[in-house]
């Protein structure tokens, strides 16, 4: 029997262009915000008379709040309306960005960044969930998410250059004020292009606030712990104490969710093949991408002495593939299928990291190859892994599913940087930023790249293998059976040919 088209489901991407423009603006904000702000950190330090620790809080406060609140925000959105929560978050984002014009101290800027992180947690998971729910078939879902992510990746690519040009003619506050028109565009697009949530499609159970507090605390501590290890060293008590607190919080969260009558996150959902494998693919990618980005930057600028401008040029293979790859995501997924696209793209990211770890110090050609492989894999897995997670969840839990995808990536990225930084701090002697290095220090850095990159590659590869085996054991019919919503049926997918 043919799948029934939702009365609110557009039959083509063109028919949903207003909604997609709004959702793409949300993703643009997420990708552009920190990348454009990083360029201004030296200027902010001089203007507000703040040192390295204060500048770390300027960027870190946003990331920690954003990552920590996504799970709770996703649960609230599934209960009270994804569109409603996103619109409130966009208003909060616009107000926080406007407040930047009145900032005069580092403390005020950190407060603004905290509010911005709250707004990001309210909007970012919803952008994926709403894009998924716009359509009734997987092909158009992939195409919609590819279009949205392409806009965000353009922001990520041009952010540093745009920020540098703006700083040449305007104060640094302008870089954050740019969020105001972005939030306005997103608000208008979502308000006009996305229908209000059907109350029958919302998760009606009460919010588990105790679980929300435990989950938020666990994620925040998990994000802070790697920073403590990287900055204070592997022997410092601060990192170990924070990691222990994160583990204790995680245990408490699991215990709470198993006993709660209406848990924030039904842990049974995580064992569904599409959900667990999709999260593992995203975690593997997060580990590899973060470790590679951290080590390549140091390789080019410190080990080889490239100036920042030349180092930026050296990253062009990644930028080009990320931007140009959007045209190939849809055809590739249609040819091999969502599950195969997920594991093969995640494997490409892992192979790219392994190439850099083993061969990167021998010449830039190997680094270019590593960047290309990672960018190509990341371009696909970012879309298909998230789509698979949402396919594997009930329709009233899609926003918390999107939050899980983002959270797994955020935590894995923090761990990736911490592992690379800890290995480097252990192997390298002397001040890393003081160049030129001695020949012994150069050899130590190469050894740290090989060890750190290889450890991350092995862990990421293990996640990919586990996720692939997980979906294989589930059988070919799992994604179209109990693990996937009925809307993702083959007959619904066939209707995509009308586009």
Foldseek 3Di string as FASTA:
>chain_A
DFDDWDPQADLACVLLVLLLQLLLLLLQCVQQPVLLLVLCLVVCCVQQVDDPVLSCLLNVLLLLLLLLQLLVLLLVCLAPNLLVLLLVLLVQLLVLLVCLVVDRHSVSSSVSSNSNSVSSSSHNLSSLLQLLVNALADLSSLLSVLVSVLSNLVSNLCSHVVSVVCVVPHRNSVSSNVSNVSSVSSNSSSVPRPDTDDNVLGDNDDAPVVLSVLSSLLLSLLLVLLVCCLPVAVPDVVSVVSNVVSVVSVVVSVVCQVPDPDHSDNVVLCLQLLLVLLLLLLLLLLLLVLLLVVLLVLCVCALVNDPPVVSSVLLVLLSVCLNVVSVVQSVVCVVPNLLVLQLVLSLLSLVLLLQCLVPVNVDSVSPSSSSNSSSNSCSRSVSSSLSSNQQQDRSSSSSSSSSSSVSSSSSSSSVSNSLLSNLLVVQADDDSPDDDDDPSNSVSSSVSSNVSSVVSSVSSVVSSVVSSVSVVVCPPCSSCPPRGDVSHHPSSNVSSVVD
